[in-house]
Amino acid sequence: MNAFDASFWSDKYKNNSTGWDVGHASTPLKTYIEQLGNKEISILIPGCGNSYEAELLHHLGFTNVFVLDIAKEPLENFSKRVPHFPKDHLLHTNFFNLEQQFDLILEQTFFCALHPIQRLQYVQKMHQLLHKKGRLAGLLFDFPLTEEGPPFGGNKEEYVQIFSPYFTIKTMAPAYNSIESRRDRELFVIFEKSYL
């Protein structure tokens, strides 16, 4: 089954098979979010899941946050948990069909959920979705790529190869503050949109 199929992900939520859900904003992203200054920037969290990062942003006063998921269940869960979050900022759609643009896109277990054959398409779509000087920031897994997934792995060399034609790599380093179950298995990244 295609890992980017709506029913695949809906079934995961219905069966409580959401092992990626840590129940709170991941520590590296929380640290990054807390140092963002401009609370009016437009932010997208694709493949948002239960989106604890969006909840944090909302509580910190960020006013232009959008969350996207192909499955409706996590969006419904999020809306119940954060009832004052704007309903028109809950995007129930396929990421690859989105046409808006954003200043910042946060990556958290979305890239690794796509089949590896979609990685170049992901990079190109991220480039399209960002404003001039827009940034893609977050976490990419650092463990061997296998046919078994999601999550699918990857490594720094692969990421440099596929992202660098479209982005300036500002940061790509082992995350120093990963949660225990992901320690030594994550890279924290900040990529800035390049002009081709």
N, C-alpha and C. Protein backbone atom coordinates (compact mmCIF):
# COMPACT_ATOMS: atom_id res chain seq x y z
N MET A 1 0.85 -1.20 0.00
CA MET A 1 0.00 0.00 0.00
C MET A 1 0.89 1.25 0.00
N ASN A 2 0.46 2.26 -0.74
CA ASN A 2 1.20 3.51 -0.78
C ASN A 2 1.21 4.15 0.60
N ALA A 3 2.41 4.48 1.08
CA ALA A 3 2.53 5.06 2.42
C ALA A 3 1.90 6.44 2.50
N PHE A 4 1.55 7.02 1.34
CA PHE A 4 0.94 8.35 1.35
C PHE A 4 -0.53 8.25 0.96
N ASP A 5 -1.14 7.16 1.33
CA ASP A 5 -2.55 6.92 1.05
C ASP A 5 -3.37 7.30 2.29
N ALA A 6 -4.47 8.04 2.08
CA ALA A 6 -5.26 8.55 3.21
C ALA A 6 -5.77 7.44 4.11
N SER A 7 -6.25 6.36 3.51
CA SER A 7 -6.82 5.28 4.32
C SER A 7 -5.76 4.58 5.17
N PHE A 8 -4.54 4.49 4.65
CA PHE A 8 -3.43 3.90 5.41
C PHE A 8 -3.24 4.66 6.72
N TRP A 9 -3.18 6.00 6.64
CA TRP A 9 -2.94 6.81 7.83
C TRP A 9 -4.17 6.88 8.72
N SER A 10 -5.35 6.95 8.13
CA SER A 10 -6.58 6.95 8.94
C SER A 10 -6.66 5.69 9.79
N ASP A 11 -6.31 4.55 9.18
CA ASP A 11 -6.34 3.29 9.92
C ASP A 11 -5.36 3.31 11.09
N LYS A 12 -4.21 3.95 10.92
CA LYS A 12 -3.23 4.05 12.01
C LYS A 12 -3.85 4.77 13.22
N TYR A 13 -4.58 5.85 12.95
CA TYR A 13 -5.20 6.60 14.05
C TYR A 13 -6.36 5.82 14.66
N LYS A 14 -7.15 5.18 13.83
CA LYS A 14 -8.30 4.40 14.33
C LYS A 14 -7.84 3.24 15.21
N ASN A 15 -6.68 2.66 14.87
CA ASN A 15 -6.17 1.50 15.61
C ASN A 15 -5.13 1.88 16.67
N ASN A 16 -4.98 3.17 16.91
CA ASN A 16 -3.98 3.65 17.87
C ASN A 16 -2.58 3.12 17.59
N SER A 17 -2.26 3.00 16.29
CA SER A 17 -0.93 2.55 15.88
C SER A 17 -0.08 3.75 15.49
N THR A 18 0.12 4.64 16.45
CA THR A 18 0.80 5.90 16.17
C THR A 18 2.08 6.00 16.99
N GLY A 19 2.99 5.09 16.72
CA GLY A 19 4.23 5.02 17.48
C GLY A 19 5.11 6.25 17.36
N TRP A 20 4.89 7.05 16.31
CA TRP A 20 5.68 8.27 16.14
C TRP A 20 5.22 9.40 17.06
N ASP A 21 4.03 9.26 17.63
CA ASP A 21 3.42 10.32 18.43
C ASP A 21 4.01 10.28 19.84
N VAL A 22 4.80 11.31 20.18
CA VAL A 22 5.46 11.31 21.49
C VAL A 22 4.65 12.03 22.56
N GLY A 23 3.50 12.60 22.18
CA GLY A 23 2.59 13.19 23.16
C GLY A 23 2.90 14.63 23.55
N HIS A 24 3.90 15.21 22.91
CA HIS A 24 4.28 16.60 23.18
C HIS A 24 5.15 17.07 22.03
N ALA A 25 5.41 18.37 21.98
CA ALA A 25 6.31 18.90 20.96
C ALA A 25 7.70 18.30 21.16
N SER A 26 8.32 17.84 20.08
CA SER A 26 9.65 17.25 20.22
C SER A 26 10.62 18.33 20.71
N THR A 27 11.57 17.93 21.52
CA THR A 27 12.45 18.89 22.17
C THR A 27 13.22 19.78 21.19
N PRO A 28 13.83 19.23 20.12
CA PRO A 28 14.54 20.11 19.19
C PRO A 28 13.64 21.16 18.55
N LEU A 29 12.42 20.76 18.18
CA LEU A 29 11.52 21.73 17.57
C LEU A 29 11.00 22.73 18.59
N LYS A 30 10.75 22.29 19.81
CA LYS A 30 10.32 23.20 20.87
C LYS A 30 11.39 24.28 21.08
N THR A 31 12.64 23.86 21.16
CA THR A 31 13.75 24.80 21.34
C THR A 31 13.82 25.79 20.18
N TYR A 32 13.66 25.30 18.96
CA TYR A 32 13.70 26.16 17.77
C TYR A 32 12.52 27.14 17.77
N ILE A 33 11.34 26.63 18.03
CA ILE A 33 10.13 27.47 18.03
C ILE A 33 10.25 28.59 19.06
N GLU A 34 10.77 28.27 20.23
CA GLU A 34 10.83 29.25 21.31
C GLU A 34 11.79 30.40 21.03
N GLN A 35 12.68 30.23 20.04
CA GLN A 35 13.58 31.35 19.72
C GLN A 35 13.13 32.14 18.48
N LEU A 36 11.98 31.76 17.90
CA LEU A 36 11.44 32.53 16.78
C LEU A 36 10.89 33.85 17.29
N GLY A 37 11.23 34.95 16.62
CA GLY A 37 10.82 36.26 17.11
C GLY A 37 9.52 36.78 16.54
N ASN A 38 9.35 36.69 15.23
CA ASN A 38 8.20 37.29 14.55
C ASN A 38 7.00 36.35 14.62
N LYS A 39 5.99 36.73 15.38
CA LYS A 39 4.83 35.85 15.58
C LYS A 39 3.78 35.98 14.48
N GLU A 40 4.08 36.78 13.46
CA GLU A 40 3.14 36.93 12.34
C GLU A 40 3.58 36.15 11.10
N ILE A 41 4.74 35.51 11.14
CA ILE A 41 5.18 34.74 9.97
C ILE A 41 4.21 33.60 9.69
N SER A 42 4.09 33.26 8.42
CA SER A 42 3.21 32.14 8.04
C SER A 42 4.00 30.84 8.15
N ILE A 43 3.42 29.89 8.86
CA ILE A 43 4.09 28.62 9.17
C ILE A 43 3.19 27.47 8.75
N LEU A 44 3.78 26.49 8.09
CA LEU A 44 3.07 25.26 7.72
C LEU A 44 3.72 24.08 8.43
N ILE A 45 2.88 23.18 8.96
CA ILE A 45 3.35 21.90 9.48
C ILE A 45 2.65 20.81 8.68
N PRO A 46 3.34 20.24 7.68
CA PRO A 46 2.72 19.19 6.85
C PRO A 46 2.85 17.82 7.49
N GLY A 47 1.88 16.94 7.19
CA GLY A 47 1.88 15.64 7.84
C GLY A 47 1.87 15.83 9.33
N CYS A 48 0.99 16.72 9.78
CA CYS A 48 1.07 17.28 11.13
C CYS A 48 0.76 16.29 12.24
N GLY A 49 0.01 15.22 11.94
CA GLY A 49 -0.39 14.32 13.02
C GLY A 49 -1.16 15.08 14.08
N ASN A 50 -0.94 14.74 15.33
CA ASN A 50 -1.65 15.43 16.42
C ASN A 50 -1.07 16.81 16.72
N SER A 51 0.03 17.15 16.10
CA SER A 51 0.55 18.51 15.98
C SER A 51 0.72 19.27 17.30
N TYR A 52 1.53 18.70 18.15
CA TYR A 52 1.84 19.38 19.41
C TYR A 52 2.68 20.64 19.15
N GLU A 53 3.43 20.63 18.04
CA GLU A 53 4.20 21.83 17.69
C GLU A 53 3.27 22.99 17.35
N ALA A 54 2.18 22.70 16.63
CA ALA A 54 1.22 23.76 16.31
C ALA A 54 0.51 24.25 17.58
N GLU A 55 0.24 23.35 18.48
CA GLU A 55 -0.37 23.74 19.76
C GLU A 55 0.57 24.69 20.52
N LEU A 56 1.86 24.37 20.54
CA LEU A 56 2.83 25.23 21.19
C LEU A 56 2.87 26.60 20.52
N LEU A 57 2.95 26.61 19.21
CA LEU A 57 2.98 27.88 18.47
C LEU A 57 1.74 28.72 18.79
N HIS A 58 0.59 28.08 18.80
CA HIS A 58 -0.67 28.78 19.08
C HIS A 58 -0.64 29.40 20.48
N HIS A 59 -0.19 28.63 21.45
CA HIS A 59 -0.15 29.14 22.83
C HIS A 59 0.89 30.24 23.01
N LEU A 60 1.91 30.24 22.15
CA LEU A 60 2.93 31.29 22.21
C LEU A 60 2.51 32.56 21.47
N GLY A 61 1.35 32.50 20.81
CA GLY A 61 0.83 33.70 20.17
C GLY A 61 1.11 33.84 18.69
N PHE A 62 1.60 32.78 18.05
CA PHE A 62 1.77 32.81 16.60
C PHE A 62 0.37 32.75 15.95
N THR A 63 0.13 33.66 15.02
CA THR A 63 -1.23 33.86 14.52
C THR A 63 -1.46 33.32 13.11
N ASN A 64 -0.42 32.82 12.47
CA ASN A 64 -0.55 32.46 11.06
C ASN A 64 0.01 31.06 10.81
N VAL A 65 -0.46 30.12 11.63
CA VAL A 65 0.02 28.74 11.58
C VAL A 65 -1.01 27.87 10.87
N PHE A 66 -0.53 27.02 9.98
CA PHE A 66 -1.39 26.09 9.25
C PHE A 66 -0.89 24.67 9.48
N VAL A 67 -1.83 23.75 9.67
CA VAL A 67 -1.46 22.34 9.82
C VAL A 67 -2.15 21.55 8.71
N LEU A 68 -1.43 20.58 8.18
CA LEU A 68 -1.94 19.81 7.04
C LEU A 68 -1.76 18.33 7.30
N ASP A 69 -2.80 17.57 6.99
CA ASP A 69 -2.68 16.11 7.03
C ASP A 69 -3.62 15.51 6.01
N ILE A 70 -3.21 14.38 5.46
CA ILE A 70 -4.04 13.68 4.48
C ILE A 70 -5.15 12.88 5.17
N ALA A 71 -4.96 12.59 6.46
CA ALA A 71 -5.97 11.90 7.26
C ALA A 71 -6.75 12.92 8.08
N LYS A 72 -8.04 12.71 8.21
CA LYS A 72 -8.86 13.69 8.94
C LYS A 72 -8.78 13.50 10.45
N GLU A 73 -8.48 12.29 10.91
CA GLU A 73 -8.50 12.00 12.35
C GLU A 73 -7.56 12.88 13.17
N PRO A 74 -6.29 13.06 12.76
CA PRO A 74 -5.42 13.90 13.58
C PRO A 74 -5.87 15.36 13.60
N LEU A 75 -6.44 15.84 12.51
CA LEU A 75 -6.94 17.21 12.48
C LEU A 75 -8.13 17.36 13.43
N GLU A 76 -8.97 16.35 13.49
CA GLU A 76 -10.10 16.37 14.42
C GLU A 76 -9.59 16.32 15.86
N ASN A 77 -8.60 15.47 16.11
CA ASN A 77 -8.01 15.38 17.46
C ASN A 77 -7.44 16.73 17.88
N PHE A 78 -6.72 17.36 16.97
CA PHE A 78 -6.09 18.64 17.26
C PHE A 78 -7.15 19.72 17.52
N SER A 79 -8.19 19.73 16.71
CA SER A 79 -9.24 20.74 16.87
C SER A 79 -9.95 20.62 18.21
N LYS A 80 -10.14 19.40 18.68
CA LYS A 80 -10.75 19.19 20.00
C LYS A 80 -9.82 19.65 21.12
N ARG A 81 -8.53 19.41 20.94
CA ARG A 81 -7.55 19.75 21.97
C ARG A 81 -7.26 21.25 22.00
N VAL A 82 -7.32 21.88 20.82
CA VAL A 82 -7.00 23.31 20.70
C VAL A 82 -8.20 24.00 20.00
N PRO A 83 -9.32 24.13 20.71
CA PRO A 83 -10.57 24.57 20.06
C PRO A 83 -10.53 25.97 19.48
N HIS A 84 -9.63 26.83 19.95
CA HIS A 84 -9.59 28.20 19.45
C HIS A 84 -8.67 28.37 18.24
N PHE A 85 -8.04 27.29 17.81
CA PHE A 85 -7.21 27.35 16.61
C PHE A 85 -8.11 27.57 15.40
N PRO A 86 -7.76 28.49 14.48
CA PRO A 86 -8.65 28.79 13.35
C PRO A 86 -8.96 27.54 12.51
N LYS A 87 -10.25 27.28 12.31
CA LYS A 87 -10.64 26.08 11.57
C LYS A 87 -10.18 26.12 10.11
N ASP A 88 -10.08 27.33 9.55
CA ASP A 88 -9.64 27.41 8.16
C ASP A 88 -8.13 27.26 8.02
N HIS A 89 -7.43 27.05 9.12
CA HIS A 89 -6.00 26.76 9.08
C HIS A 89 -5.73 25.26 9.25
N LEU A 90 -6.81 24.47 9.31
CA LEU A 90 -6.71 23.01 9.35
C LEU A 90 -6.89 22.52 7.92
N LEU A 91 -5.83 22.05 7.30
CA LEU A 91 -5.86 21.69 5.88
C LEU A 91 -5.91 20.18 5.73
N HIS A 92 -7.09 19.68 5.36
CA HIS A 92 -7.26 18.24 5.14
C HIS A 92 -7.10 17.99 3.65
N THR A 93 -5.85 17.76 3.25
CA THR A 93 -5.57 17.61 1.83
C THR A 93 -4.24 16.89 1.64
N ASN A 94 -3.95 16.55 0.41
CA ASN A 94 -2.67 15.98 0.05
C ASN A 94 -1.65 17.11 -0.06
N PHE A 95 -0.57 16.98 0.63
CA PHE A 95 0.51 17.97 0.61
C PHE A 95 0.88 18.40 -0.80
N PHE A 96 0.94 17.44 -1.71
CA PHE A 96 1.39 17.74 -3.07
C PHE A 96 0.37 18.54 -3.88
N ASN A 97 -0.84 18.71 -3.34
CA ASN A 97 -1.86 19.52 -4.00
C ASN A 97 -1.94 20.94 -3.45
N LEU A 98 -1.19 21.23 -2.42
CA LEU A 98 -1.27 22.54 -1.77
C LEU A 98 -0.65 23.62 -2.66
N GLU A 99 -1.26 24.80 -2.66
CA GLU A 99 -0.78 25.88 -3.53
C GLU A 99 -0.41 27.16 -2.77
N GLN A 100 -0.59 27.22 -1.46
CA GLN A 100 -0.23 28.42 -0.70
C GLN A 100 1.29 28.56 -0.60
N GLN A 101 1.73 29.71 -0.08
CA GLN A 101 3.15 29.89 0.22
C GLN A 101 3.32 30.32 1.66
N PHE A 102 4.49 29.99 2.22
CA PHE A 102 4.74 30.19 3.64
C PHE A 102 6.15 30.73 3.85
N ASP A 103 6.36 31.33 5.02
CA ASP A 103 7.69 31.82 5.41
C ASP A 103 8.54 30.70 6.01
N LEU A 104 7.87 29.77 6.68
CA LEU A 104 8.57 28.69 7.39
C LEU A 104 7.74 27.42 7.30
N ILE A 105 8.40 26.32 7.02
CA ILE A 105 7.75 25.01 7.07
C ILE A 105 8.53 24.16 8.07
N LEU A 106 7.80 23.55 9.00
CA LEU A 106 8.42 22.71 10.03
C LEU A 106 8.30 21.25 9.64
N GLU A 107 9.42 20.56 9.66
CA GLU A 107 9.50 19.14 9.30
C GLU A 107 9.63 18.30 10.56
N GLN A 108 8.66 17.40 10.73
CA GLN A 108 8.68 16.52 11.90
C GLN A 108 8.01 15.21 11.50
N THR A 109 8.81 14.20 11.19
CA THR A 109 8.36 12.85 10.81
C THR A 109 7.42 12.84 9.60
N PHE A 110 7.54 13.82 8.71
CA PHE A 110 6.75 13.80 7.47
C PHE A 110 7.59 13.24 6.32
N PHE A 111 8.78 13.77 6.14
CA PHE A 111 9.67 13.29 5.08
C PHE A 111 9.87 11.78 5.16
N CYS A 112 10.08 11.28 6.37
CA CYS A 112 10.38 9.85 6.55
C CYS A 112 9.16 8.96 6.34
N ALA A 113 7.96 9.58 6.30
CA ALA A 113 6.73 8.81 6.10
C ALA A 113 6.41 8.61 4.62
N LEU A 114 7.05 9.39 3.78
CA LEU A 114 6.85 9.25 2.34
C LEU A 114 7.73 8.13 1.80
N HIS A 115 7.24 7.44 0.78
CA HIS A 115 8.08 6.43 0.14
C HIS A 115 9.31 7.13 -0.45
N PRO A 116 10.49 6.53 -0.34
CA PRO A 116 11.70 7.19 -0.85
C PRO A 116 11.62 7.65 -2.31
N ILE A 117 10.81 7.01 -3.12
CA ILE A 117 10.70 7.46 -4.52
C ILE A 117 10.06 8.85 -4.62
N GLN A 118 9.43 9.33 -3.54
CA GLN A 118 8.80 10.64 -3.54
C GLN A 118 9.69 11.74 -2.99
N ARG A 119 10.92 11.43 -2.66
CA ARG A 119 11.76 12.41 -1.96
C ARG A 119 12.10 13.63 -2.82
N LEU A 120 12.45 13.43 -4.07
CA LEU A 120 12.74 14.58 -4.92
C LEU A 120 11.48 15.43 -5.10
N GLN A 121 10.35 14.78 -5.27
CA GLN A 121 9.07 15.49 -5.39
C GLN A 121 8.79 16.32 -4.13
N TYR A 122 9.10 15.77 -2.97
CA TYR A 122 8.95 16.48 -1.70
C TYR A 122 9.82 17.75 -1.71
N VAL A 123 11.08 17.60 -2.08
CA VAL A 123 12.02 18.73 -2.07
C VAL A 123 11.52 19.83 -3.02
N GLN A 124 11.10 19.43 -4.20
CA GLN A 124 10.61 20.40 -5.18
C GLN A 124 9.34 21.10 -4.69
N LYS A 125 8.46 20.36 -4.05
CA LYS A 125 7.23 20.96 -3.54
C LYS A 125 7.54 21.91 -2.39
N MET A 126 8.44 21.53 -1.51
CA MET A 126 8.84 22.43 -0.42
C MET A 126 9.38 23.74 -0.99
N HIS A 127 10.20 23.65 -2.01
CA HIS A 127 10.75 24.84 -2.65
C HIS A 127 9.62 25.73 -3.18
N GLN A 128 8.65 25.11 -3.81
CA GLN A 128 7.52 25.85 -4.38
C GLN A 128 6.68 26.53 -3.29
N LEU A 129 6.53 25.88 -2.14
CA LEU A 129 5.64 26.37 -1.10
C LEU A 129 6.23 27.49 -0.25
N LEU A 130 7.52 27.74 -0.41
CA LEU A 130 8.17 28.75 0.43
C LEU A 130 8.30 30.09 -0.30
N HIS A 131 8.08 31.16 0.45
CA HIS A 131 8.35 32.50 -0.05
C HIS A 131 9.85 32.68 -0.27
N LYS A 132 10.23 33.77 -0.92
CA LYS A 132 11.64 34.12 -1.07
C LYS A 132 12.29 34.16 0.31
N LYS A 133 13.44 33.52 0.43
CA LYS A 133 14.19 33.39 1.69
C LYS A 133 13.45 32.56 2.73
N GLY A 134 12.38 31.87 2.33
CA GLY A 134 11.66 31.01 3.24
C GLY A 134 12.53 29.85 3.70
N ARG A 135 12.17 29.30 4.84
CA ARG A 135 12.99 28.24 5.43
C ARG A 135 12.19 26.97 5.72
N LEU A 136 12.87 25.86 5.54
CA LEU A 136 12.39 24.54 5.95
C LEU A 136 13.27 24.13 7.11
N ALA A 137 12.67 23.90 8.27
CA ALA A 137 13.44 23.58 9.47
C ALA A 137 12.82 22.41 10.20
N GLY A 138 13.65 21.62 10.82
CA GLY A 138 13.13 20.51 11.62
C GLY A 138 14.09 19.35 11.69
N LEU A 139 13.53 18.16 11.68
CA LEU A 139 14.30 16.95 11.94
C LEU A 139 14.19 15.95 10.79
N LEU A 140 15.33 15.38 10.43
CA LEU A 140 15.37 14.27 9.47
C LEU A 140 16.06 13.10 10.16
N PHE A 141 15.55 11.91 9.94
CA PHE A 141 16.14 10.74 10.58
C PHE A 141 17.52 10.43 10.00
N ASP A 142 18.38 9.95 10.87
CA ASP A 142 19.74 9.57 10.50
C ASP A 142 19.96 8.11 10.90
N PHE A 143 19.40 7.23 10.07
CA PHE A 143 19.66 5.79 10.22
C PHE A 143 19.51 5.17 8.84
N PRO A 144 20.02 3.98 8.62
CA PRO A 144 20.07 3.44 7.27
C PRO A 144 18.71 3.37 6.60
N LEU A 145 18.68 3.77 5.33
CA LEU A 145 17.48 3.67 4.52
C LEU A 145 17.20 2.20 4.23
N THR A 146 15.98 1.77 4.50
CA THR A 146 15.60 0.39 4.20
C THR A 146 14.29 0.41 3.41
N GLU A 147 13.93 -0.74 2.91
CA GLU A 147 12.65 -0.88 2.20
C GLU A 147 11.48 -0.98 3.17
N GLU A 148 11.80 -1.18 4.44
CA GLU A 148 10.75 -1.31 5.45
C GLU A 148 10.43 0.06 6.03
N GLY A 149 9.20 0.41 6.00
CA GLY A 149 8.80 1.70 6.52
C GLY A 149 7.34 1.94 6.17
N PRO A 150 6.79 3.04 6.56
CA PRO A 150 7.43 4.14 7.28
C PRO A 150 7.71 3.79 8.76
N PRO A 151 8.69 4.46 9.40
CA PRO A 151 9.54 5.50 8.81
C PRO A 151 10.66 4.90 7.96
N PHE A 152 11.01 5.64 6.91
CA PHE A 152 12.15 5.29 6.07
C PHE A 152 13.34 6.13 6.53
N GLY A 153 14.50 5.55 6.53
CA GLY A 153 15.68 6.25 7.02
C GLY A 153 16.35 7.09 5.95
N GLY A 154 17.57 7.48 6.24
CA GLY A 154 18.36 8.30 5.32
C GLY A 154 19.60 8.78 6.04
N ASN A 155 20.43 9.53 5.32
CA ASN A 155 21.67 10.02 5.93
C ASN A 155 22.03 11.39 5.37
N LYS A 156 23.00 12.01 6.02
CA LYS A 156 23.39 13.37 5.68
C LYS A 156 23.80 13.49 4.21
N GLU A 157 24.57 12.53 3.71
CA GLU A 157 25.06 12.60 2.33
C GLU A 157 23.89 12.62 1.34
N GLU A 158 22.91 11.76 1.59
CA GLU A 158 21.73 11.72 0.71
C GLU A 158 20.98 13.05 0.77
N TYR A 159 20.80 13.57 1.98
CA TYR A 159 20.04 14.81 2.14
C TYR A 159 20.75 15.98 1.45
N VAL A 160 22.06 16.05 1.57
CA VAL A 160 22.82 17.11 0.89
C VAL A 160 22.59 17.01 -0.61
N GLN A 161 22.64 15.80 -1.12
CA GLN A 161 22.51 15.60 -2.57
C GLN A 161 21.15 16.04 -3.09
N ILE A 162 20.06 15.71 -2.37
CA ILE A 162 18.74 16.02 -2.92
C ILE A 162 18.26 17.43 -2.57
N PHE A 163 18.71 17.97 -1.43
CA PHE A 163 18.24 19.30 -1.05
C PHE A 163 19.07 20.44 -1.64
N SER A 164 20.38 20.24 -1.79
CA SER A 164 21.26 21.36 -2.14
C SER A 164 20.97 22.00 -3.50
N PRO A 165 20.40 21.31 -4.49
CA PRO A 165 20.05 22.04 -5.72
C PRO A 165 18.93 23.07 -5.52
N TYR A 166 18.16 22.93 -4.46
CA TYR A 166 16.98 23.78 -4.25
C TYR A 166 17.08 24.67 -3.01
N PHE A 167 17.99 24.33 -2.11
CA PHE A 167 18.09 25.03 -0.83
C PHE A 167 19.54 25.30 -0.46
N THR A 168 19.76 26.39 0.25
CA THR A 168 21.04 26.63 0.91
C THR A 168 20.97 25.95 2.28
N ILE A 169 21.92 25.07 2.53
CA ILE A 169 21.92 24.34 3.80
C ILE A 169 22.56 25.22 4.86
N LYS A 170 21.73 25.76 5.74
CA LYS A 170 22.22 26.63 6.81
C LYS A 170 22.70 25.82 8.00
N THR A 171 21.98 24.75 8.30
CA THR A 171 22.32 23.87 9.43
C THR A 171 21.96 22.45 9.06
N MET A 172 22.84 21.52 9.35
CA MET A 172 22.52 20.09 9.28
C MET A 172 23.49 19.40 10.23
N ALA A 173 22.99 19.08 11.40
CA ALA A 173 23.87 18.54 12.44
C ALA A 173 23.09 17.58 13.33
N PRO A 174 23.76 16.64 13.95
CA PRO A 174 23.06 15.76 14.89
C PRO A 174 22.32 16.58 15.94
N ALA A 175 21.07 16.22 16.18
CA ALA A 175 20.28 16.92 17.19
C ALA A 175 20.85 16.61 18.57
N TYR A 176 21.19 17.64 19.33
CA TYR A 176 21.81 17.44 20.64
C TYR A 176 20.77 17.18 21.72
N ASN A 177 19.50 17.47 21.41
CA ASN A 177 18.46 17.39 22.44
C ASN A 177 17.27 16.53 22.00
N SER A 178 17.55 15.49 21.24
CA SER A 178 16.49 14.56 20.84
C SER A 178 15.86 13.90 22.07
N ILE A 179 14.62 13.45 21.91
CA ILE A 179 14.03 12.62 22.96
C ILE A 179 14.81 11.31 23.02
N GLU A 180 14.74 10.62 24.15
CA GLU A 180 15.61 9.47 24.38
C GLU A 180 15.48 8.40 23.29
N SER A 181 14.26 8.11 22.86
CA SER A 181 14.06 7.04 21.88
C SER A 181 14.63 7.38 20.50
N ARG A 182 14.96 8.65 20.27
CA ARG A 182 15.51 9.06 18.97
C ARG A 182 16.94 9.59 19.08
N ARG A 183 17.53 9.43 20.24
CA ARG A 183 18.89 9.95 20.46
C ARG A 183 19.86 9.33 19.46
N ASP A 184 20.71 10.17 18.87
CA ASP A 184 21.71 9.76 17.88
C ASP A 184 21.09 9.24 16.59
N ARG A 185 19.82 9.55 16.37
CA ARG A 185 19.14 9.08 15.15
C ARG A 185 18.47 10.23 14.40
N GLU A 186 18.76 11.48 14.79
CA GLU A 186 18.12 12.63 14.15
C GLU A 186 19.14 13.70 13.78
N LEU A 187 18.89 14.34 12.65
CA LEU A 187 19.63 15.53 12.26
C LEU A 187 18.70 16.73 12.35
N PHE A 188 19.17 17.80 12.99
CA PHE A 188 18.40 19.04 12.98
C PHE A 188 18.85 19.84 11.76
N VAL A 189 17.87 20.33 10.99
CA VAL A 189 18.20 21.00 9.73
C VAL A 189 17.49 22.35 9.63
N ILE A 190 18.18 23.28 8.98
CA ILE A 190 17.56 24.53 8.54
C ILE A 190 18.02 24.73 7.11
N PHE A 191 17.07 24.73 6.17
CA PHE A 191 17.36 24.94 4.76
C PHE A 191 16.67 26.23 4.32
N GLU A 192 17.38 27.07 3.59
CA GLU A 192 16.79 28.30 3.08
C GLU A 192 16.59 28.17 1.57
N LYS A 193 15.42 28.58 1.11
CA LYS A 193 15.08 28.47 -0.31
C LYS A 193 16.10 29.18 -1.18
N SER A 194 16.58 28.48 -2.20
CA SER A 194 17.48 29.07 -3.18
C SER A 194 16.70 29.44 -4.43
N TYR A 195 17.28 30.31 -5.23
CA TYR A 195 16.66 30.62 -6.53
C TYR A 195 17.39 29.86 -7.61
N LEU A 196 16.63 29.12 -8.40
CA LEU A 196 17.22 28.18 -9.37
C LEU A 196 17.65 28.92 -10.63
